[in-house]
Amino acid sequence: MDTQKLNTKIELTEAAIDLYIEDRFTISNLTKQTGKTASEIYSLFPNKKAILKFYYPSLVIRYRAMISEIDDFDTYTISEKLSSFVFTLFDMMGERREFVEDTFEKYEWNCSSKNDFQEEVKSLFREFFTSDGNIATSAGFFMGNIFYSSLKTQYLYLVKFWLEDESDDHERTFALTDKITGFIEELVYSRIVDKGFDLAKYSLSAFGFNKQVEDFNDWVSSWFEDEPYDEVEIEIEDEEENDNQNEESEDNE
């Protein structure tokens, strides 16, 4: 999707959220609010619900645009990148907290199948780790699809924690985020296992097992080859057909 269409989708979604908070969200009101025609809106979204749900993946899209303007972002440590993402999205969600409090649970927390927001988060995390030159070689042993899916799930738990956090200025959430990101950095940056592998390789070479060393190197390299991993999708009743019927009813009114 080109940048102009993407910006239009974000504009429509933010206007729709403002109307939703005021309990005035209809396509008719959205056309008045944005100056877009109904046909223009439906060319970008299949129904009203999709307009609201796009808010969550749009947060990641906007975050990507922001970090693209940071010249030295690639030099950030993995904990700094993760913290930057978490805290920035908290700020974004805070701007429309009422909407997030009302929809996060039903759109994201209780979602039992893949959705755009969770896939965007997972993809961004993968980019953070695979582009970081400080990741230990041994970390490749567990950095597959399951690892990134787990990180994505932990992030959803963190958002839920933030929404329920009643401490001053969400101090508990920020402290928890620092502890989690710091632990992850220690986990993937640790060279202890790497040194153990180096010792094993040296010992094998010293005793004339060069072929075994080559096989060992191939085995370690194979850790970085992602195995296809299909997340289980659970079919749940979709409300889009009902949404479309309701929208037709609203337009007729």
Protein backbone atom coordinates (compact mmCIF):
# COMPACT_ATOMS: atom_id res chain seq x y z
CA MET A 1 0.00 0.00 0.00
CA ASP A 2 1.37 3.42 -0.94
CA THR A 3 2.11 6.08 1.66
CA GLN A 4 -0.84 8.29 0.72
CA LYS A 5 -3.39 5.51 1.18
CA LEU A 6 -1.74 4.48 4.43
CA ASN A 7 -1.91 8.03 5.77
CA THR A 8 -5.55 8.25 4.72
CA LYS A 9 -6.36 5.02 6.58
CA ILE A 10 -4.66 6.36 9.72
CA GLU A 11 -6.53 9.67 9.41
CA LEU A 12 -9.87 7.87 9.04
CA THR A 13 -9.14 5.58 11.98
CA GLU A 14 -8.20 8.42 14.32
CA ALA A 15 -11.31 10.39 13.34
CA ALA A 16 -13.44 7.26 13.84
CA ILE A 17 -11.99 6.76 17.32
CA ASP A 18 -12.85 10.34 18.30
CA LEU A 19 -16.42 9.72 17.16
CA TYR A 20 -16.48 6.35 18.94
CA ILE A 21 -15.49 7.97 22.23
CA GLU A 22 -18.33 10.46 21.75
CA ASP A 23 -20.69 7.56 20.90
CA ARG A 24 -21.33 9.09 17.47
CA PHE A 25 -19.44 6.68 15.22
CA THR A 26 -21.34 6.13 11.98
CA ILE A 27 -20.12 6.21 8.41
CA SER A 28 -22.29 9.25 7.82
CA ASN A 29 -20.63 11.15 10.67
CA LEU A 30 -17.19 9.96 9.55
CA THR A 31 -17.74 11.41 6.07
CA LYS A 32 -18.70 14.75 7.61
CA GLN A 33 -15.71 14.66 9.97
CA THR A 34 -13.08 13.84 7.32
CA GLY A 35 -14.53 15.08 4.06
CA LYS A 36 -14.15 11.61 2.55
CA THR A 37 -17.03 9.97 0.72
CA ALA A 38 -18.50 6.66 1.85
CA SER A 39 -17.15 4.98 -1.30
CA GLU A 40 -13.63 6.26 -0.51
CA ILE A 41 -13.89 4.88 3.02
CA TYR A 42 -15.15 1.47 1.88
CA SER A 43 -12.39 1.25 -0.71
CA LEU A 44 -9.94 1.16 2.20
CA PHE A 45 -11.95 -0.73 4.84
CA PRO A 46 -14.49 -3.54 4.44
CA ASN A 47 -16.67 -2.35 7.35
CA LYS A 48 -16.90 -0.08 10.41
CA LYS A 49 -15.26 -2.55 12.75
CA ALA A 50 -12.18 -2.79 10.51
CA ILE A 51 -11.72 1.00 10.74
CA LEU A 52 -11.49 0.83 14.53
CA LYS A 53 -9.34 -2.32 14.60
CA PHE A 54 -6.78 -0.70 12.29
CA TYR A 55 -5.83 1.59 15.17
CA TYR A 56 -3.61 -1.05 16.75
CA PRO A 57 -1.46 -2.01 13.72
CA SER A 58 -1.28 1.69 12.81
CA LEU A 59 0.62 2.27 16.07
CA VAL A 60 3.44 0.00 14.88
CA ILE A 61 3.38 1.57 11.43
CA ARG A 62 3.71 5.04 12.95
CA TYR A 63 6.49 3.83 15.25
CA ARG A 64 8.43 2.46 12.27
CA ALA A 65 8.17 5.86 10.60
CA MET A 66 9.47 7.53 13.76
CA ILE A 67 12.56 5.34 14.17
CA SER A 68 13.40 5.69 10.49
CA GLU A 69 14.17 9.33 11.30
CA ILE A 70 16.64 8.36 14.08
CA ASP A 71 20.07 8.19 12.46
CA ASP A 72 21.76 6.11 15.15
CA PHE A 73 18.87 3.78 16.00
CA ASP A 74 20.88 0.81 14.72
CA THR A 75 23.44 1.46 17.46
CA TYR A 76 20.86 1.04 20.23
CA THR A 77 21.18 -2.08 22.37
CA ILE A 78 18.37 -4.61 22.19
CA SER A 79 16.99 -3.48 25.56
CA GLU A 80 17.01 0.14 24.36
CA LYS A 81 15.13 -0.79 21.18
CA LEU A 82 12.54 -2.83 23.05
CA SER A 83 12.08 -0.13 25.70
CA SER A 84 11.78 2.53 23.02
CA PHE A 85 8.99 0.58 21.34
CA VAL A 86 7.11 -0.20 24.56
CA PHE A 87 7.26 3.31 26.03
CA THR A 88 6.47 5.03 22.72
CA LEU A 89 3.37 2.90 22.20
CA PHE A 90 2.29 3.57 25.79
CA ASP A 91 2.46 7.29 24.97
CA MET A 92 0.46 6.78 21.77
CA MET A 93 -2.18 4.67 23.50
CA GLY A 94 -2.33 7.19 26.34
CA GLU A 95 -3.56 9.80 23.86
CA ARG A 96 -6.68 7.66 23.28
CA ARG A 97 -6.68 5.69 26.50
CA GLU A 98 -10.47 5.59 26.77
CA PHE A 99 -10.69 3.79 23.44
CA VAL A 100 -7.84 1.40 24.34
CA GLU A 101 -9.44 0.56 27.69
CA ASP A 102 -12.70 -0.25 25.91
CA THR A 103 -11.31 -2.24 22.96
CA PHE A 104 -7.90 -3.76 23.73
CA GLU A 105 -9.34 -6.78 25.49
CA LYS A 106 -11.85 -7.69 22.78
CA TYR A 107 -9.68 -6.78 19.76
CA GLU A 108 -6.27 -7.99 20.95
CA TRP A 109 -6.19 -9.71 24.33
CA ASN A 110 -8.99 -12.18 23.58
CA CYS A 111 -8.16 -12.60 19.91
CA SER A 112 -7.58 -16.33 19.28
CA SER A 113 -6.34 -16.07 15.69
CA LYS A 114 -3.66 -14.11 13.86
CA ASN A 115 -4.29 -10.41 13.40
CA ASP A 116 -2.45 -7.50 11.85
CA PHE A 117 -1.33 -5.85 15.09
CA GLN A 118 0.22 -8.96 16.57
CA GLU A 119 1.93 -9.84 13.28
CA GLU A 120 3.32 -6.29 13.03
CA VAL A 121 4.70 -6.50 16.59
CA LYS A 122 6.23 -9.91 15.95
CA SER A 123 7.81 -8.73 12.68
CA LEU A 124 9.29 -5.64 14.34
CA PHE A 125 10.80 -7.69 17.16
CA ARG A 126 12.35 -10.05 14.63
CA GLU A 127 13.96 -7.10 12.84
CA PHE A 128 15.34 -5.78 16.14
CA PHE A 129 17.09 -9.06 16.94
CA THR A 130 18.26 -10.15 13.48
CA SER A 131 19.87 -6.76 12.79
CA ASP A 132 21.72 -6.63 16.13
CA GLY A 133 25.39 -7.53 15.81
CA ASN A 134 25.77 -8.03 19.56
CA ILE A 135 23.53 -11.11 19.72
CA ALA A 136 25.51 -14.13 20.91
CA THR A 137 25.93 -16.97 18.41
CA SER A 138 24.45 -19.42 20.89
CA ALA A 139 21.26 -17.31 21.12
CA GLY A 140 20.39 -18.57 17.65
CA PHE A 141 19.56 -21.89 19.29
CA PHE A 142 16.26 -20.51 20.59
CA MET A 143 15.61 -17.43 18.41
CA GLY A 144 13.05 -18.97 16.09
CA ASN A 145 9.37 -18.34 15.46
CA ILE A 146 8.37 -19.61 18.87
CA PHE A 147 10.75 -17.11 20.49
CA TYR A 148 9.24 -14.14 18.60
CA SER A 149 5.70 -15.36 19.24
CA SER A 150 6.53 -15.56 22.94
CA LEU A 151 7.91 -12.00 22.92
CA LYS A 152 4.73 -10.81 21.22
CA THR A 153 2.60 -12.53 23.85
CA GLN A 154 4.68 -11.04 26.67
CA TYR A 155 4.18 -7.61 25.11
CA LEU A 156 0.39 -8.09 25.17
CA TYR A 157 0.64 -9.01 28.86
CA LEU A 158 2.64 -5.83 29.43
CA VAL A 159 -0.04 -3.66 27.78
CA LYS A 160 -2.68 -5.36 29.90
CA PHE A 161 -0.57 -4.67 32.99
CA TRP A 162 -0.23 -1.01 31.97
CA LEU A 163 -3.99 -0.64 31.57
CA GLU A 164 -4.58 -2.03 35.06
CA ASP A 165 -1.65 -0.21 36.73
CA GLU A 166 -2.89 2.36 39.26
CA SER A 167 0.55 3.38 40.56
CA ASP A 168 1.68 7.00 40.22
CA ASP A 169 2.65 7.73 36.59
CA HIS A 170 2.53 3.97 35.95
CA GLU A 171 5.79 3.51 37.84
CA ARG A 172 5.18 -0.22 38.29
CA THR A 173 4.74 -0.71 34.55
CA PHE A 174 7.92 1.18 33.73
CA ALA A 175 9.90 -0.75 36.36
CA LEU A 176 8.57 -4.05 35.03
CA THR A 177 9.43 -3.04 31.45
CA ASP A 178 13.00 -2.20 32.46
CA LYS A 179 13.40 -5.55 34.22
CA ILE A 180 12.00 -7.53 31.28
CA THR A 181 14.05 -5.77 28.60
CA GLY A 182 17.18 -5.97 30.74
CA PHE A 183 16.70 -9.70 31.27
CA ILE A 184 16.18 -10.29 27.54
CA GLU A 185 19.38 -8.39 26.74
CA GLU A 186 21.35 -10.46 29.26
CA LEU A 187 19.87 -13.62 27.76
CA VAL A 188 20.76 -12.94 24.13
CA TYR A 189 24.02 -11.03 24.67
CA SER A 190 25.61 -13.57 27.03
CA ARG A 191 28.84 -15.08 25.58
CA ILE A 192 29.26 -17.80 28.19
CA VAL A 193 27.85 -20.56 25.97
CA ASP A 194 29.79 -19.19 22.98
CA LYS A 195 33.03 -19.58 24.95
CA GLY A 196 32.06 -23.14 25.80
CA PHE A 197 31.57 -23.88 22.10
CA ASP A 198 34.92 -22.31 21.27
CA LEU A 199 36.56 -24.53 23.88
CA ALA A 200 34.87 -27.61 22.42
CA LYS A 201 35.95 -26.69 18.88
CA TYR A 202 39.53 -26.06 20.00
CA SER A 203 39.65 -29.36 21.88
CA LEU A 204 38.38 -31.28 18.86
CA SER A 205 40.92 -29.61 16.57
CA ALA A 206 43.74 -30.25 19.03
CA PHE A 207 42.97 -33.96 18.95
CA GLY A 208 42.77 -34.05 15.13
CA PHE A 209 39.00 -34.14 14.71
CA ASN A 210 38.83 -31.48 11.97
CA LYS A 211 35.89 -33.10 10.18
CA GLN A 212 33.93 -33.08 13.43
CA VAL A 213 34.69 -29.37 13.85
CA GLU A 214 33.24 -28.66 10.38
CA ASP A 215 30.13 -30.65 11.26
CA PHE A 216 29.90 -28.74 14.55
CA ASN A 217 30.07 -25.38 12.73
CA ASP A 218 27.36 -26.50 10.30
CA TRP A 219 25.18 -27.54 13.23
CA VAL A 220 25.54 -24.16 14.93
CA SER A 221 24.83 -22.34 11.64
CA SER A 222 21.64 -24.35 11.23
CA TRP A 223 20.25 -22.66 14.36
CA PHE A 224 19.85 -19.45 12.42
CA GLU A 225 17.76 -21.08 9.69
CA ASP A 226 14.16 -20.48 10.65
CA GLU A 227 11.96 -23.54 10.51
CA PRO A 228 8.49 -22.92 9.08
CA TYR A 229 6.15 -22.46 12.00
CA ASP A 230 2.43 -22.16 11.54
CA GLU A 231 0.50 -20.72 14.41
CA VAL A 232 -2.78 -22.46 15.03
CA GLU A 233 -5.69 -20.39 13.84
CA ILE A 234 -9.00 -20.86 15.60
CA GLU A 235 -12.06 -19.95 13.66
CA ILE A 236 -14.25 -17.58 15.63
CA GLU A 237 -17.56 -16.09 14.65
CA ASP A 238 -16.92 -12.97 12.64
CA GLU A 239 -19.14 -9.98 13.20
CA GLU A 240 -18.28 -8.33 9.88
CA GLU A 241 -21.45 -9.54 8.16
CA ASN A 242 -23.56 -8.08 10.97
CA ASP A 243 -21.51 -4.89 10.84
CA ASN A 244 -22.21 -4.52 7.12
CA GLN A 245 -25.93 -5.05 7.69
CA ASN A 246 -25.94 -2.47 10.49
CA GLU A 247 -24.02 0.00 8.32
CA GLU A 248 -26.55 -0.40 5.48
CA SER A 249 -29.30 0.27 8.02
CA GLU A 250 -27.52 3.40 9.26
CA ASP A 251 -26.98 4.70 5.72
CA ASN A 252 -30.67 4.20 4.91
CA GLU A 253 -31.57 6.25 7.97
